[in-house]
Amino acid sequence: MIRTQIQLTSEQARSLKRIAAREKKSVSELIRLSVDALIHSNGIDNRSDLRQKAIAVAGQLKGPENMAANHDAYLSEAYEQ
């Protein structure tokens, strides 16, 4: 993890401490979860998630046997449709 420093208003700090106590989590964890939610809501996946998605579909996609050799022809055909 990377240590960073942020500034909160007094009300933000108080509210975060109350939520942290109620949820039995640290304020730092709540901030990390909030940052993750913001990143995810903007359509950005982290590298670990992308890697897991790639591994999950590896070998499951089907296509023509000669796709690598004739990819230009297949691409041209797809654009014509």
PDB file of N, CA and C in Angstrom:
ATOM      1  N   MET A   1       0.835  -1.179   0.000  1.00  0.00           N
ATOM      2  CA  MET A   1       0.000   0.000   0.000  1.00  0.00           C
ATOM      3  C   MET A   1       0.878   1.240   0.000  1.00  0.00           C
ATOM      4  N   ILE A   2       0.307   2.297  -0.494  1.00  0.00           N
ATOM      5  CA  ILE A   2       1.003   3.577  -0.519  1.00  0.00           C
ATOM      6  C   ILE A   2       0.376   4.480   0.529  1.00  0.00           C
ATOM      7  N   ARG A   3       1.201   5.029   1.370  1.00  0.00           N
ATOM      8  CA  ARG A   3       0.709   5.950   2.395  1.00  0.00           C
ATOM      9  C   ARG A   3       0.489   7.308   1.745  1.00  0.00           C
ATOM     10  N   THR A   4      -0.646   7.907   2.060  1.00  0.00           N
ATOM     11  CA  THR A   4      -0.955   9.233   1.537  1.00  0.00           C
ATOM     12  C   THR A   4      -1.618  10.058   2.641  1.00  0.00           C
ATOM     13  N   GLN A   5      -1.673  11.327   2.427  1.00  0.00           N
ATOM     14  CA  GLN A   5      -2.254  12.224   3.419  1.00  0.00           C
ATOM     15  C   GLN A   5      -3.378  13.002   2.756  1.00  0.00           C
ATOM     16  N   ILE A   6      -4.527  13.080   3.435  1.00  0.00           N
ATOM     17  CA  ILE A   6      -5.660  13.842   2.897  1.00  0.00           C
ATOM     18  C   ILE A   6      -6.171  14.793   3.971  1.00  0.00           C
ATOM     19  N   GLN A   7      -6.928  15.757   3.543  1.00  0.00           N
ATOM     20  CA  GLN A   7      -7.538  16.691   4.482  1.00  0.00           C
ATOM     21  C   GLN A   7      -9.055  16.547   4.387  1.00  0.00           C
ATOM     22  N   LEU A   8      -9.689  16.414   5.553  1.00  0.00           N
ATOM     23  CA  LEU A   8     -11.137  16.301   5.635  1.00  0.00           C
ATOM     24  C   LEU A   8     -11.670  17.470   6.445  1.00  0.00           C
ATOM     25  N   THR A   9     -12.914  17.801   6.186  1.00  0.00           N
ATOM     26  CA  THR A   9     -13.550  18.784   7.059  1.00  0.00           C
ATOM     27  C   THR A   9     -13.815  18.117   8.408  1.00  0.00           C
ATOM     28  N   SER A  10     -14.073  18.899   9.407  1.00  0.00           N
ATOM     29  CA  SER A  10     -14.377  18.351  10.733  1.00  0.00           C
ATOM     30  C   SER A  10     -15.599  17.441  10.679  1.00  0.00           C
ATOM     31  N   GLU A  11     -16.607  17.865   9.949  1.00  0.00           N
ATOM     32  CA  GLU A  11     -17.828  17.060   9.840  1.00  0.00           C
ATOM     33  C   GLU A  11     -17.560  15.744   9.117  1.00  0.00           C
ATOM     34  N   GLN A  12     -16.757  15.776   8.050  1.00  0.00           N
ATOM     35  CA  GLN A  12     -16.416  14.543   7.348  1.00  0.00           C
ATOM     36  C   GLN A  12     -15.693  13.577   8.281  1.00  0.00           C
ATOM     37  N   ALA A  13     -14.742  14.075   9.037  1.00  0.00           N
ATOM     38  CA  ALA A  13     -13.976  13.235   9.959  1.00  0.00           C
ATOM     39  C   ALA A  13     -14.883  12.627  11.021  1.00  0.00           C
ATOM     40  N   ARG A  14     -15.763  13.432  11.597  1.00  0.00           N
ATOM     41  CA  ARG A  14     -16.691  12.927  12.623  1.00  0.00           C
ATOM     42  C   ARG A  14     -17.608  11.850  12.043  1.00  0.00           C
ATOM     43  N   SER A  15     -18.146  12.133  10.878  1.00  0.00           N
ATOM     44  CA  SER A  15     -19.061  11.169  10.245  1.00  0.00           C
ATOM     45  C   SER A  15     -18.353   9.866   9.912  1.00  0.00           C
ATOM     46  N   LEU A  16     -17.148   9.975   9.376  1.00  0.00           N
ATOM     47  CA  LEU A  16     -16.389   8.766   9.052  1.00  0.00           C
ATOM     48  C   LEU A  16     -16.092   7.941  10.303  1.00  0.00           C
ATOM     49  N   LYS A  17     -15.742   8.597  11.393  1.00  0.00           N
ATOM     50  CA  LYS A  17     -15.457   7.885  12.640  1.00  0.00           C
ATOM     51  C   LYS A  17     -16.705   7.173  13.156  1.00  0.00           C
ATOM     52  N   ARG A  18     -17.862   7.816  13.040  1.00  0.00           N
ATOM     53  CA  ARG A  18     -19.111   7.177  13.470  1.00  0.00           C
ATOM     54  C   ARG A  18     -19.424   5.950  12.620  1.00  0.00           C
ATOM     55  N   ILE A  19     -19.275   6.104  11.318  1.00  0.00           N
ATOM     56  CA  ILE A  19     -19.543   4.979  10.411  1.00  0.00           C
ATOM     57  C   ILE A  19     -18.553   3.853  10.680  1.00  0.00           C
ATOM     58  N   ALA A  20     -17.296   4.196  10.859  1.00  0.00           N
ATOM     59  CA  ALA A  20     -16.267   3.185  11.118  1.00  0.00           C
ATOM     60  C   ALA A  20     -16.584   2.395  12.383  1.00  0.00           C
ATOM     61  N   ALA A  21     -16.999   3.086  13.424  1.00  0.00           N
ATOM     62  CA  ALA A  21     -17.342   2.409  14.678  1.00  0.00           C
ATOM     63  C   ALA A  21     -18.543   1.493  14.476  1.00  0.00           C
ATOM     64  N   ARG A  22     -19.548   1.989  13.781  1.00  0.00           N
ATOM     65  CA  ARG A  22     -20.763   1.205  13.554  1.00  0.00           C
ATOM     66  C   ARG A  22     -20.476  -0.045  12.721  1.00  0.00           C
ATOM     67  N   GLU A  23     -19.619   0.093  11.695  1.00  0.00           N
ATOM     68  CA  GLU A  23     -19.328  -1.024  10.798  1.00  0.00           C
ATOM     69  C   GLU A  23     -18.114  -1.846  11.223  1.00  0.00           C
ATOM     70  N   LYS A  24     -17.497  -1.436  12.345  1.00  0.00           N
ATOM     71  CA  LYS A  24     -16.306  -2.129  12.863  1.00  0.00           C
ATOM     72  C   LYS A  24     -15.193  -2.204  11.809  1.00  0.00           C
ATOM     73  N   LYS A  25     -14.957  -1.054  11.183  1.00  0.00           N
ATOM     74  CA  LYS A  25     -13.898  -0.911  10.185  1.00  0.00           C
ATOM     75  C   LYS A  25     -13.101   0.329  10.540  1.00  0.00           C
ATOM     76  N   SER A  26     -11.896   0.403   9.981  1.00  0.00           N
ATOM     77  CA  SER A  26     -11.086   1.597  10.211  1.00  0.00           C
ATOM     78  C   SER A  26     -11.526   2.701   9.242  1.00  0.00           C
ATOM     79  N   VAL A  27     -11.209   3.924   9.614  1.00  0.00           N
ATOM     80  CA  VAL A  27     -11.489   5.053   8.722  1.00  0.00           C
ATOM     81  C   VAL A  27     -10.721   4.861   7.409  1.00  0.00           C
ATOM     82  N   SER A  28      -9.491   4.380   7.503  1.00  0.00           N
ATOM     83  CA  SER A  28      -8.691   4.142   6.295  1.00  0.00           C
ATOM     84  C   SER A  28      -9.372   3.157   5.357  1.00  0.00           C
ATOM     85  N   GLU A  29      -9.934   2.083   5.934  1.00  0.00           N
ATOM     86  CA  GLU A  29     -10.615   1.093   5.101  1.00  0.00           C
ATOM     87  C   GLU A  29     -11.838   1.703   4.430  1.00  0.00           C
ATOM     88  N   LEU A  30     -12.591   2.506   5.155  1.00  0.00           N
ATOM     89  CA  LEU A  30     -13.750   3.170   4.554  1.00  0.00           C
ATOM     90  C   LEU A  30     -13.330   4.075   3.403  1.00  0.00           C
ATOM     91  N   ILE A  31     -12.234   4.788   3.573  1.00  0.00           N
ATOM     92  CA  ILE A  31     -11.747   5.664   2.499  1.00  0.00           C
ATOM     93  C   ILE A  31     -11.328   4.831   1.299  1.00  0.00           C
ATOM     94  N   ARG A  32     -10.607   3.719   1.531  1.00  0.00           N
ATOM     95  CA  ARG A  32     -10.202   2.853   0.412  1.00  0.00           C
ATOM     96  C   ARG A  32     -11.419   2.298  -0.316  1.00  0.00           C
ATOM     97  N   LEU A  33     -12.437   1.853   0.447  1.00  0.00           N
ATOM     98  CA  LEU A  33     -13.657   1.333  -0.171  1.00  0.00           C
ATOM     99  C   LEU A  33     -14.361   2.415  -0.991  1.00  0.00           C
ATOM    100  N   SER A  34     -14.367   3.630  -0.488  1.00  0.00           N
ATOM    101  CA  SER A  34     -14.986   4.741  -1.212  1.00  0.00           C
ATOM    102  C   SER A  34     -14.237   5.046  -2.504  1.00  0.00           C
ATOM    103  N   VAL A  35     -12.922   5.027  -2.440  1.00  0.00           N
ATOM    104  CA  VAL A  35     -12.110   5.263  -3.640  1.00  0.00           C
ATOM    105  C   VAL A  35     -12.353   4.148  -4.660  1.00  0.00           C
ATOM    106  N   ASP A  36     -12.403   2.893  -4.185  1.00  0.00           N
ATOM    107  CA  ASP A  36     -12.696   1.774  -5.091  1.00  0.00           C
ATOM    108  C   ASP A  36     -14.048   1.948  -5.767  1.00  0.00           C
ATOM    109  N   ALA A  37     -15.061   2.358  -5.008  1.00  0.00           N
ATOM    110  CA  ALA A  37     -16.394   2.561  -5.571  1.00  0.00           C
ATOM    111  C   ALA A  37     -16.381   3.664  -6.628  1.00  0.00           C
ATOM    112  N   LEU A  38     -15.654   4.739  -6.358  1.00  0.00           N
ATOM    113  CA  LEU A  38     -15.551   5.833  -7.331  1.00  0.00           C
ATOM    114  C   LEU A  38     -14.863   5.364  -8.606  1.00  0.00           C
ATOM    115  N   ILE A  39     -13.780   4.638  -8.449  1.00  0.00           N
ATOM    116  CA  ILE A  39     -13.057   4.123  -9.620  1.00  0.00           C
ATOM    117  C   ILE A  39     -13.953   3.192 -10.427  1.00  0.00           C
ATOM    118  N   HIS A  40     -14.624   2.276  -9.742  1.00  0.00           N
ATOM    119  CA  HIS A  40     -15.491   1.315 -10.424  1.00  0.00           C
ATOM    120  C   HIS A  40     -16.669   2.009 -11.113  1.00  0.00           C
ATOM    121  N   SER A  41     -17.235   3.029 -10.478  1.00  0.00           N
ATOM    122  CA  SER A  41     -18.379   3.727 -11.070  1.00  0.00           C
ATOM    123  C   SER A  41     -17.977   4.505 -12.325  1.00  0.00           C
ATOM    124  N   ASN A  42     -16.696   4.744 -12.481  1.00  0.00           N
ATOM    125  CA  ASN A  42     -16.207   5.427 -13.682  1.00  0.00           C
ATOM    126  C   ASN A  42     -15.751   4.440 -14.743  1.00  0.00           C
ATOM    127  N   GLY A  43     -16.073   3.161 -14.538  1.00  0.00           N
ATOM    128  CA  GLY A  43     -15.789   2.140 -15.548  1.00  0.00           C
ATOM    129  C   GLY A  43     -14.354   1.687 -15.602  1.00  0.00           C
ATOM    130  N   ILE A  44     -13.599   1.925 -14.564  1.00  0.00           N
ATOM    131  CA  ILE A  44     -12.190   1.531 -14.555  1.00  0.00           C
ATOM    132  C   ILE A  44     -12.034   0.288 -13.685  1.00  0.00           C
ATOM    133  N   ASP A  45     -11.562  -0.798 -14.296  1.00  0.00           N
ATOM    134  CA  ASP A  45     -11.292  -2.025 -13.546  1.00  0.00           C
ATOM    135  C   ASP A  45      -9.825  -2.043 -13.155  1.00  0.00           C
ATOM    136  N   ASN A  46      -9.533  -2.621 -12.011  1.00  0.00           N
ATOM    137  CA  ASN A  46      -8.124  -2.719 -11.641  1.00  0.00           C
ATOM    138  C   ASN A  46      -7.472  -3.885 -12.381  1.00  0.00           C
ATOM    139  N   ARG A  47      -6.170  -3.914 -12.430  1.00  0.00           N
ATOM    140  CA  ARG A  47      -5.439  -4.927 -13.196  1.00  0.00           C
ATOM    141  C   ARG A  47      -5.747  -6.338 -12.718  1.00  0.00           C
ATOM    142  N   SER A  48      -5.910  -6.508 -11.427  1.00  0.00           N
ATOM    143  CA  SER A  48      -6.210  -7.831 -10.890  1.00  0.00           C
ATOM    144  C   SER A  48      -7.553  -8.331 -11.414  1.00  0.00           C
ATOM    145  N   ASP A  49      -8.565  -7.459 -11.433  1.00  0.00           N
ATOM    146  CA  ASP A  49      -9.879  -7.842 -11.958  1.00  0.00           C
ATOM    147  C   ASP A  49      -9.787  -8.185 -13.440  1.00  0.00           C
ATOM    148  N   LEU A  50      -9.069  -7.373 -14.188  1.00  0.00           N
ATOM    149  CA  LEU A  50      -8.913  -7.638 -15.623  1.00  0.00           C
ATOM    150  C   LEU A  50      -8.199  -8.958 -15.869  1.00  0.00           C
ATOM    151  N   ARG A  51      -7.163  -9.224 -15.076  1.00  0.00           N
ATOM    152  CA  ARG A  51      -6.414 -10.475 -15.212  1.00  0.00           C
ATOM    153  C   ARG A  51      -7.326 -11.670 -14.929  1.00  0.00           C
ATOM    154  N   GLN A  52      -8.135 -11.583 -13.867  1.00  0.00           N
ATOM    155  CA  GLN A  52      -9.045 -12.676 -13.520  1.00  0.00           C
ATOM    156  C   GLN A  52     -10.090 -12.895 -14.624  1.00  0.00           C
ATOM    157  N   LYS A  53     -10.587 -11.811 -15.214  1.00  0.00           N
ATOM    158  CA  LYS A  53     -11.556 -11.940 -16.305  1.00  0.00           C
ATOM    159  C   LYS A  53     -10.922 -12.610 -17.515  1.00  0.00           C
ATOM    160  N   ALA A  54      -9.683 -12.247 -17.822  1.00  0.00           N
ATOM    161  CA  ALA A  54      -8.984 -12.838 -18.970  1.00  0.00           C
ATOM    162  C   ALA A  54      -8.743 -14.325 -18.743  1.00  0.00           C
ATOM    163  N   ILE A  55      -8.325 -14.676 -17.542  1.00  0.00           N
ATOM    164  CA  ILE A  55      -8.081 -16.083 -17.222  1.00  0.00           C
ATOM    165  C   ILE A  55      -9.373 -16.891 -17.326  1.00  0.00           C
ATOM    166  N   ALA A  56     -10.477 -16.299 -16.889  1.00  0.00           N
ATOM    167  CA  ALA A  56     -11.756 -16.996 -16.898  1.00  0.00           C
ATOM    168  C   ALA A  56     -12.222 -17.347 -18.312  1.00  0.00           C
ATOM    169  N   VAL A  57     -11.903 -16.524 -19.294  1.00  0.00           N
ATOM    170  CA  VAL A  57     -12.378 -16.786 -20.657  1.00  0.00           C
ATOM    171  C   VAL A  57     -11.317 -17.416 -21.551  1.00  0.00           C
ATOM    172  N   ALA A  58     -10.106 -17.566 -21.049  1.00  0.00           N
ATOM    173  CA  ALA A  58      -9.028 -18.131 -21.869  1.00  0.00           C
ATOM    174  C   ALA A  58      -9.427 -19.508 -22.382  1.00  0.00           C
ATOM    175  N   GLY A  59      -9.290 -19.693 -23.681  1.00  0.00           N
ATOM    176  CA  GLY A  59      -9.584 -20.970 -24.307  1.00  0.00           C
ATOM    177  C   GLY A  59     -11.054 -21.223 -24.558  1.00  0.00           C
ATOM    178  N   GLN A  60     -11.934 -20.316 -24.178  1.00  0.00           N
ATOM    179  CA  GLN A  60     -13.365 -20.534 -24.355  1.00  0.00           C
ATOM    180  C   GLN A  60     -13.923 -19.896 -25.626  1.00  0.00           C
ATOM    181  N   LEU A  61     -13.163 -19.004 -26.223  1.00  0.00           N
ATOM    182  CA  LEU A  61     -13.643 -18.333 -27.423  1.00  0.00           C
ATOM    183  C   LEU A  61     -13.364 -19.194 -28.640  1.00  0.00           C
ATOM    184  N   LYS A  62     -14.326 -19.280 -29.534  1.00  0.00           N
ATOM    185  CA  LYS A  62     -14.194 -20.107 -30.737  1.00  0.00           C
ATOM    186  C   LYS A  62     -14.214 -19.209 -31.967  1.00  0.00           C
ATOM    187  N   GLY A  63     -13.514 -19.625 -32.967  1.00  0.00           N
ATOM    188  CA  GLY A  63     -13.481 -18.902 -34.218  1.00  0.00           C
ATOM    189  C   GLY A  63     -12.948 -19.825 -35.300  1.00  0.00           C
ATOM    190  N   PRO A  64     -12.826 -19.317 -36.496  1.00  0.00           N
ATOM    191  CA  PRO A  64     -12.303 -20.146 -37.577  1.00  0.00           C
ATOM    192  C   PRO A  64     -10.880 -20.621 -37.270  1.00  0.00           C
ATOM    193  N   GLU A  65     -10.569 -21.807 -37.726  1.00  0.00           N
ATOM    194  CA  GLU A  65      -9.233 -22.388 -37.508  1.00  0.00           C
ATOM    195  C   GLU A  65      -8.126 -21.508 -38.097  1.00  0.00           C
ATOM    196  N   ASN A  66      -8.422 -20.816 -39.195  1.00  0.00           N
ATOM    197  CA  ASN A  66      -7.399 -20.030 -39.891  1.00  0.00           C
ATOM    198  C   ASN A  66      -7.494 -18.534 -39.583  1.00  0.00           C
ATOM    199  N   MET A  67      -8.047 -18.183 -38.446  1.00  0.00           N
ATOM    200  CA  MET A  67      -8.249 -16.772 -38.103  1.00  0.00           C
ATOM    201  C   MET A  67      -6.935 -15.994 -38.081  1.00  0.00           C
ATOM    202  N   ALA A  68      -5.894 -16.571 -37.492  1.00  0.00           N
ATOM    203  CA  ALA A  68      -4.620 -15.861 -37.381  1.00  0.00           C
ATOM    204  C   ALA A  68      -4.042 -15.559 -38.762  1.00  0.00           C
ATOM    205  N   ALA A  69      -4.130 -16.508 -39.655  1.00  0.00           N
ATOM    206  CA  ALA A  69      -3.545 -16.328 -40.986  1.00  0.00           C
ATOM    207  C   ALA A  69      -4.396 -15.415 -41.869  1.00  0.00           C
ATOM    208  N   ASN A  70      -5.703 -15.417 -41.667  1.00  0.00           N
ATOM    209  CA  ASN A  70      -6.600 -14.677 -42.565  1.00  0.00           C
ATOM    210  C   ASN A  70      -7.407 -13.591 -41.852  1.00  0.00           C
ATOM    211  N   HIS A  71      -6.840 -13.020 -40.807  1.00  0.00           N
ATOM    212  CA  HIS A  71      -7.605 -12.048 -40.027  1.00  0.00           C
ATOM    213  C   HIS A  71      -8.043 -10.833 -40.840  1.00  0.00           C
ATOM    214  N   ASP A  72      -7.234 -10.395 -41.819  1.00  0.00           N
ATOM    215  CA  ASP A  72      -7.619  -9.238 -42.634  1.00  0.00           C
ATOM    216  C   ASP A  72      -8.891  -9.517 -43.428  1.00  0.00           C
ATOM    217  N   ALA A  73      -8.983 -10.719 -43.996  1.00  0.00           N
ATOM    218  CA  ALA A  73     -10.173 -11.076 -44.778  1.00  0.00           C
ATOM    219  C   ALA A  73     -11.407 -11.123 -43.879  1.00  0.00           C
ATOM    220  N   TYR A  74     -11.276 -11.704 -42.696  1.00  0.00           N
ATOM    221  CA  TYR A  74     -12.408 -11.768 -41.764  1.00  0.00           C
ATOM    222  C   TYR A  74     -12.816 -10.377 -41.290  1.00  0.00           C
ATOM    223  N   LEU A  75     -11.859  -9.510 -41.062  1.00  0.00           N
ATOM    224  CA  LEU A  75     -12.159  -8.150 -40.631  1.00  0.00           C
ATOM    225  C   LEU A  75     -12.880  -7.391 -41.745  1.00  0.00           C
ATOM    226  N   SER A  76     -12.399  -7.538 -42.962  1.00  0.00           N
ATOM    227  CA  SER A  76     -13.037  -6.883 -44.091  1.00  0.00           C
ATOM    228  C   SER A  76     -14.471  -7.373 -44.242  1.00  0.00           C
ATOM    229  N   GLU A  77     -14.667  -8.653 -44.093  1.00  0.00           N
ATOM    230  CA  GLU A  77     -16.010  -9.238 -44.191  1.00  0.00           C
ATOM    231  C   GLU A  77     -16.932  -8.686 -43.097  1.00  0.00           C
ATOM    232  N   ALA A  78     -16.410  -8.550 -41.911  1.00  0.00           N
ATOM    233  CA  ALA A  78     -17.219  -8.038 -40.794  1.00  0.00           C
ATOM    234  C   ALA A  78     -17.634  -6.586 -41.048  1.00  0.00           C
ATOM    235  N   TYR A  79     -16.764  -5.789 -41.637  1.00  0.00           N
ATOM    236  CA  TYR A  79     -17.091  -4.392 -41.911  1.00  0.00           C
ATOM    237  C   TYR A  79     -18.147  -4.264 -43.005  1.00  0.00           C
ATOM    238  N   GLU A  80     -18.199  -5.220 -43.902  1.00  0.00           N
ATOM    239  CA  GLU A  80     -19.167  -5.177 -45.007  1.00  0.00           C
ATOM    240  C   GLU A  80     -20.578  -5.485 -44.539  1.00  0.00           C
ATOM    241  N   GLN A  81     -20.719  -6.111 -43.391  1.00  0.00           N
ATOM    242  CA  GLN A  81     -22.060  -6.504 -42.909  1.00  0.00           C
ATOM    243  C   GLN A  81     -22.829  -5.348 -42.386  1.00  0.00           C
TER     244      GLN A  81
END
